Amino acid sequence: MKKLLLINTLAATAACTAVSAPQTPPSTLPTAVQEEVKRDAQICREAGGDFALGDAVFSADLNHDGHTDYIYDAGLTYCANAPGFSGNSGAQVTVFAGQADGSAQEAFKHGAHGASLIDGKLYLGVGGQLCGQNTTGKSRAEYEGCIRPLVWNAGKQVFEFAPVAQIRPLPQSWER
């Protein structure tokens, strides 16, 4: 069993890797995605840092509606010379559902220790209760880590965590 401490180590390692990316989000991204990235870039600059997007935005048709959905993992951004966006609880992962007109709407936001596409599904690195663990009387260091997929709730037009029965053990190769 992997402990959340391992996840934190992986997240910290990923956050420290060098990135060479534009300072602002590409204009080809939908406005909602650009605005989310711009907010983080502004926070970084206000802290005296230099923001780099890196590979923090990626896309897939997660809800299988024929429109591109966008994933923004703030933990993959880099804020040189200032605090980053990852901490003990991971970093914010935001999913935007693509719309027929090319725009996108926020459809999920949660802290996680990385996000990855596996077999067409988006999995987030999470721990503790989100992995089905009873955390009563346990410190965060004792939480078990896992990866848990998101599913589309068509009625609510949002992504949600899939049932706990769909979790997978945290792979040794889990990389951000």
C-alpha atoms as a PDB file:
ATOM      1  CA  MET A   1       0.000   0.000   0.000  1.00  0.00           C
ATOM      2  CA  LYS A   2       1.204   3.396  -0.918  1.00  0.00           C
ATOM      3  CA  LYS A   3       0.935   6.126   1.655  1.00  0.00           C
ATOM      4  CA  LEU A   4      -0.025   9.688   0.948  1.00  0.00           C
ATOM      5  CA  LEU A   5       3.536  10.656   1.819  1.00  0.00           C
ATOM      6  CA  LEU A   6       4.678   8.920  -1.360  1.00  0.00           C
ATOM      7  CA  ILE A   7       2.148  10.917  -3.326  1.00  0.00           C
ATOM      8  CA  ASN A   8       3.432  14.149  -1.794  1.00  0.00           C
ATOM      9  CA  THR A   9       6.988  13.195  -2.730  1.00  0.00           C
ATOM     10  CA  LEU A  10       5.948  12.497  -6.313  1.00  0.00           C
ATOM     11  CA  ALA A  11       4.043  15.776  -6.491  1.00  0.00           C
ATOM     12  CA  ALA A  12       6.985  17.751  -5.136  1.00  0.00           C
ATOM     13  CA  THR A  13       9.346  16.059  -7.599  1.00  0.00           C
ATOM     14  CA  ALA A  14       7.037  16.846 -10.514  1.00  0.00           C
ATOM     15  CA  ALA A  15       6.647  20.447  -9.416  1.00  0.00           C
ATOM     16  CA  CYS A  16      10.419  20.959  -9.386  1.00  0.00           C
ATOM     17  CA  THR A  17      11.046  19.754 -12.922  1.00  0.00           C
ATOM     18  CA  ALA A  18      12.130  22.343 -15.419  1.00  0.00           C
ATOM     19  CA  VAL A  19       9.555  23.549 -17.889  1.00  0.00           C
ATOM     20  CA  SER A  20       9.818  25.690 -20.966  1.00  0.00           C
ATOM     21  CA  ALA A  21       6.394  27.029 -21.769  1.00  0.00           C
ATOM     22  CA  PRO A  22       4.631  30.234 -22.633  1.00  0.00           C
ATOM     23  CA  GLN A  23       3.966  32.707 -19.813  1.00  0.00           C
ATOM     24  CA  THR A  24       0.295  32.952 -20.748  1.00  0.00           C
ATOM     25  CA  PRO A  25      -2.195  30.323 -21.870  1.00  0.00           C
ATOM     26  CA  PRO A  26      -2.395  29.756 -25.622  1.00  0.00           C
ATOM     27  CA  SER A  27      -5.178  31.777 -27.228  1.00  0.00           C
ATOM     28  CA  THR A  28      -6.458  28.588 -28.842  1.00  0.00           C
ATOM     29  CA  LEU A  29      -7.830  27.459 -25.466  1.00  0.00           C
ATOM     30  CA  PRO A  30     -11.442  28.300 -24.616  1.00  0.00           C
ATOM     31  CA  THR A  31     -11.862  31.515 -22.638  1.00  0.00           C
ATOM     32  CA  ALA A  32     -12.904  29.730 -19.408  1.00  0.00           C
ATOM     33  CA  VAL A  33      -9.678  27.701 -19.442  1.00  0.00           C
ATOM     34  CA  GLN A  34      -7.579  30.765 -20.241  1.00  0.00           C
ATOM     35  CA  GLU A  35      -9.163  32.704 -17.358  1.00  0.00           C
ATOM     36  CA  GLU A  36      -8.425  29.921 -14.841  1.00  0.00           C
ATOM     37  CA  VAL A  37      -4.779  29.798 -15.933  1.00  0.00           C
ATOM     38  CA  LYS A  38      -4.524  33.605 -15.907  1.00  0.00           C
ATOM     39  CA  ARG A  39      -5.750  33.689 -12.289  1.00  0.00           C
ATOM     40  CA  ASP A  40      -2.964  31.333 -11.230  1.00  0.00           C
ATOM     41  CA  ALA A  41      -0.399  33.252 -13.271  1.00  0.00           C
ATOM     42  CA  GLN A  42      -1.472  36.472 -11.522  1.00  0.00           C
ATOM     43  CA  ILE A  43      -1.174  34.837  -8.082  1.00  0.00           C
ATOM     44  CA  CYS A  44       2.323  33.677  -8.998  1.00  0.00           C
ATOM     45  CA  ARG A  45       3.362  37.123 -10.242  1.00  0.00           C
ATOM     46  CA  GLU A  46       1.927  38.818  -7.130  1.00  0.00           C
ATOM     47  CA  ALA A  47       4.119  36.491  -5.048  1.00  0.00           C
ATOM     48  CA  GLY A  48       7.151  37.647  -7.039  1.00  0.00           C
ATOM     49  CA  GLY A  49       7.362  34.587  -9.254  1.00  0.00           C
ATOM     50  CA  ASP A  50       7.639  33.840 -12.945  1.00  0.00           C
ATOM     51  CA  PHE A  51       4.784  31.618 -14.131  1.00  0.00           C
ATOM     52  CA  ALA A  52       5.171  28.826 -16.678  1.00  0.00           C
ATOM     53  CA  LEU A  53       2.237  26.716 -17.850  1.00  0.00           C
ATOM     54  CA  GLY A  54       4.237  23.656 -18.873  1.00  0.00           C
ATOM     55  CA  ASP A  55       2.013  20.649 -19.620  1.00  0.00           C
ATOM     56  CA  ALA A  56      -0.654  21.712 -17.120  1.00  0.00           C
ATOM     57  CA  VAL A  57      -3.462  21.810 -19.700  1.00  0.00           C
ATOM     58  CA  PHE A  58      -4.354  18.752 -21.730  1.00  0.00           C
ATOM     59  CA  SER A  59      -7.487  17.609 -23.501  1.00  0.00           C
ATOM     60  CA  ALA A  60      -9.674  14.638 -24.365  1.00  0.00           C
ATOM     61  CA  ASP A  61     -13.338  13.963 -25.050  1.00  0.00           C
ATOM     62  CA  LEU A  62     -14.028  12.634 -21.564  1.00  0.00           C
ATOM     63  CA  ASN A  63     -17.826  12.609 -21.759  1.00  0.00           C
ATOM     64  CA  HIS A  64     -17.919  11.216 -25.321  1.00  0.00           C
ATOM     65  CA  ASP A  65     -20.126  13.993 -26.711  1.00  0.00           C
ATOM     66  CA  GLY A  66     -17.845  14.814 -29.642  1.00  0.00           C
ATOM     67  CA  HIS A  67     -16.503  18.013 -28.031  1.00  0.00           C
ATOM     68  CA  THR A  68     -13.023  18.458 -26.610  1.00  0.00           C
ATOM     69  CA  ASP A  69     -12.887  18.678 -22.807  1.00  0.00           C
ATOM     70  CA  TYR A  70      -9.957  20.388 -21.079  1.00  0.00           C
ATOM     71  CA  ILE A  71      -8.075  19.403 -17.931  1.00  0.00           C
ATOM     72  CA  TYR A  72      -6.037  21.978 -16.032  1.00  0.00           C
ATOM     73  CA  ASP A  73      -3.735  20.504 -13.376  1.00  0.00           C
ATOM     74  CA  ALA A  74      -2.321  23.477 -11.453  1.00  0.00           C
ATOM     75  CA  GLY A  75       0.257  21.155  -9.892  1.00  0.00           C
ATOM     76  CA  LEU A  76       2.007  20.965 -13.259  1.00  0.00           C
ATOM     77  CA  THR A  77       2.526  24.710 -13.492  1.00  0.00           C
ATOM     78  CA  TYR A  78       5.768  26.251 -12.334  1.00  0.00           C
ATOM     79  CA  CYS A  79       6.116  29.446 -10.341  1.00  0.00           C
ATOM     80  CA  ALA A  80       9.858  30.204 -10.312  1.00  0.00           C
ATOM     81  CA  ASN A  81      11.156  32.152  -7.306  1.00  0.00           C
ATOM     82  CA  ALA A  82       7.843  31.908  -5.413  1.00  0.00           C
ATOM     83  CA  PRO A  83       5.668  29.263  -3.741  1.00  0.00           C
ATOM     84  CA  GLY A  84       3.989  26.904  -6.193  1.00  0.00           C
ATOM     85  CA  PHE A  85       0.427  25.667  -6.285  1.00  0.00           C
ATOM     86  CA  SER A  86       1.004  22.217  -4.752  1.00  0.00           C
ATOM     87  CA  GLY A  87       0.911  21.384  -1.081  1.00  0.00           C
ATOM     88  CA  ASN A  88       0.282  18.454   1.222  1.00  0.00           C
ATOM     89  CA  SER A  89      -3.198  18.086  -0.223  1.00  0.00           C
ATOM     90  CA  GLY A  90      -2.004  18.228  -3.814  1.00  0.00           C
ATOM     91  CA  ALA A  91      -3.071  20.897  -6.260  1.00  0.00           C
ATOM     92  CA  GLN A  92      -6.293  21.980  -7.876  1.00  0.00           C
ATOM     93  CA  VAL A  93      -7.432  19.992 -10.910  1.00  0.00           C
ATOM     94  CA  THR A  94     -10.170  21.658 -12.947  1.00  0.00           C
ATOM     95  CA  VAL A  95     -12.063  19.963 -15.768  1.00  0.00           C
ATOM     96  CA  PHE A  96     -13.900  21.995 -18.378  1.00  0.00           C
ATOM     97  CA  ALA A  97     -16.611  20.383 -20.503  1.00  0.00           C
ATOM     98  CA  GLY A  98     -16.334  21.383 -24.134  1.00  0.00           C
ATOM     99  CA  GLN A  99     -19.413  22.911 -25.740  1.00  0.00           C
ATOM    100  CA  ALA A 100     -20.748  22.723 -29.300  1.00  0.00           C
ATOM    101  CA  ASP A 101     -19.737  26.340 -29.978  1.00  0.00           C
ATOM    102  CA  GLY A 102     -16.080  25.677 -29.042  1.00  0.00           C
ATOM    103  CA  SER A 103     -16.330  27.223 -25.579  1.00  0.00           C
ATOM    104  CA  ALA A 104     -15.948  25.269 -22.357  1.00  0.00           C
ATOM    105  CA  GLN A 105     -17.650  25.337 -18.960  1.00  0.00           C
ATOM    106  CA  GLU A 106     -16.154  24.344 -15.622  1.00  0.00           C
ATOM    107  CA  ALA A 107     -17.557  20.931 -14.784  1.00  0.00           C
ATOM    108  CA  PHE A 108     -15.297  19.705 -11.938  1.00  0.00           C
ATOM    109  CA  LYS A 109     -12.776  21.145  -9.496  1.00  0.00           C
ATOM    110  CA  HIS A 110     -10.979  19.281  -6.712  1.00  0.00           C
ATOM    111  CA  GLY A 111      -7.582  18.959  -5.110  1.00  0.00           C
ATOM    112  CA  ALA A 112      -5.557  15.958  -6.258  1.00  0.00           C
ATOM    113  CA  HIS A 113      -2.045  14.583  -6.487  1.00  0.00           C
ATOM    114  CA  GLY A 114      -1.936  14.562 -10.247  1.00  0.00           C
ATOM    115  CA  ALA A 115      -4.261  13.700 -13.085  1.00  0.00           C
ATOM    116  CA  SER A 116      -3.710  11.253 -15.897  1.00  0.00           C
ATOM    117  CA  LEU A 117      -5.639   9.814 -18.826  1.00  0.00           C
ATOM    118  CA  ILE A 118      -5.785   6.016 -18.671  1.00  0.00           C
ATOM    119  CA  ASP A 119      -7.778   4.104 -21.281  1.00  0.00           C
ATOM    120  CA  GLY A 120      -9.771   7.229 -22.138  1.00  0.00           C
ATOM    121  CA  LYS A 121     -10.721   8.014 -18.537  1.00  0.00           C
ATOM    122  CA  LEU A 122      -9.356  10.773 -16.355  1.00  0.00           C
ATOM    123  CA  TYR A 123      -7.911   9.456 -13.095  1.00  0.00           C
ATOM    124  CA  LEU A 124      -6.942  11.644 -10.162  1.00  0.00           C
ATOM    125  CA  GLY A 125      -4.426  10.744  -7.469  1.00  0.00           C
ATOM    126  CA  VAL A 126      -6.333  10.942  -4.183  1.00  0.00           C
ATOM    127  CA  GLY A 127      -6.145   9.463  -0.700  1.00  0.00           C
ATOM    128  CA  GLY A 128      -8.007   8.534   2.445  1.00  0.00           C
ATOM    129  CA  GLN A 129     -11.796   8.579   2.265  1.00  0.00           C
ATOM    130  CA  LEU A 130     -11.734   9.129  -1.496  1.00  0.00           C
ATOM    131  CA  CYS A 131     -10.040   5.724  -1.700  1.00  0.00           C
ATOM    132  CA  GLY A 132     -12.670   4.153   0.546  1.00  0.00           C
ATOM    133  CA  GLN A 133     -10.432   4.177   3.613  1.00  0.00           C
ATOM    134  CA  ASN A 134     -11.823   4.731   7.086  1.00  0.00           C
ATOM    135  CA  THR A 135      -9.645   7.617   8.246  1.00  0.00           C
ATOM    136  CA  THR A 136     -11.032   7.876  11.777  1.00  0.00           C
ATOM    137  CA  GLY A 137      -8.128   8.328  14.175  1.00  0.00           C
ATOM    138  CA  LYS A 138      -5.541   8.390  11.386  1.00  0.00           C
ATOM    139  CA  SER A 139      -3.166  11.177  10.495  1.00  0.00           C
ATOM    140  CA  ARG A 140      -2.838  12.234   6.859  1.00  0.00           C
ATOM    141  CA  ALA A 141       0.493  10.430   6.758  1.00  0.00           C
ATOM    142  CA  GLU A 142      -1.437   7.200   7.307  1.00  0.00           C
ATOM    143  CA  TYR A 143      -3.892   7.752   4.458  1.00  0.00           C
ATOM    144  CA  GLU A 144      -3.689   5.266   1.632  1.00  0.00           C
ATOM    145  CA  GLY A 145      -3.331   6.603  -1.882  1.00  0.00           C
ATOM    146  CA  CYS A 146      -5.159   5.450  -4.992  1.00  0.00           C
ATOM    147  CA  ILE A 147      -6.216   6.726  -8.382  1.00  0.00           C
ATOM    148  CA  ARG A 148      -9.905   7.315  -8.903  1.00  0.00           C
ATOM    149  CA  PRO A 149     -11.620   8.004 -12.223  1.00  0.00           C
ATOM    150  CA  LEU A 150     -14.132  10.696 -13.000  1.00  0.00           C
ATOM    151  CA  VAL A 151     -17.477   9.957 -14.641  1.00  0.00           C
ATOM    152  CA  TRP A 152     -19.855  12.264 -16.472  1.00  0.00           C
ATOM    153  CA  ASN A 153     -23.217  12.994 -14.837  1.00  0.00           C
ATOM    154  CA  ALA A 154     -25.302  13.946 -17.877  1.00  0.00           C
ATOM    155  CA  GLY A 155     -28.257  15.112 -15.782  1.00  0.00           C
ATOM    156  CA  LYS A 156     -26.172  17.615 -13.819  1.00  0.00           C
ATOM    157  CA  GLN A 157     -23.726  18.322 -16.675  1.00  0.00           C
ATOM    158  CA  VAL A 158     -20.721  17.793 -14.371  1.00  0.00           C
ATOM    159  CA  PHE A 159     -17.942  15.308 -13.809  1.00  0.00           C
ATOM    160  CA  GLU A 160     -17.964  13.437 -10.500  1.00  0.00           C
ATOM    161  CA  PHE A 161     -15.789  10.866  -8.820  1.00  0.00           C
ATOM    162  CA  ALA A 162     -16.714   7.369  -9.986  1.00  0.00           C
ATOM    163  CA  PRO A 163     -17.892   4.916  -7.310  1.00  0.00           C
ATOM    164  CA  VAL A 164     -15.163   3.739  -4.929  1.00  0.00           C
ATOM    165  CA  ALA A 165     -15.438   0.282  -6.524  1.00  0.00           C
ATOM    166  CA  GLN A 166     -13.640   1.741  -9.574  1.00  0.00           C
ATOM    167  CA  ILE A 167     -10.511   2.929  -7.756  1.00  0.00           C
ATOM    168  CA  ARG A 168      -7.143   1.470  -8.672  1.00  0.00           C
ATOM    169  CA  PRO A 169      -4.059   1.132  -6.536  1.00  0.00           C
ATOM    170  CA  LEU A 170      -1.614   3.957  -6.941  1.00  0.00           C
ATOM    171  CA  PRO A 171       0.797   2.665  -9.607  1.00  0.00           C
ATOM    172  CA  GLN A 172       4.493   2.745  -8.794  1.00  0.00           C
ATOM    173  CA  SER A 173       4.945   4.580 -12.064  1.00  0.00           C
ATOM    174  CA  TRP A 174       2.359   7.270 -11.219  1.00  0.00           C
ATOM    175  CA  GLU A 175       3.810  10.409 -12.710  1.00  0.00           C
ATOM    176  CA  ARG A 176       2.313  13.804 -13.079  1.00  0.00           C
END
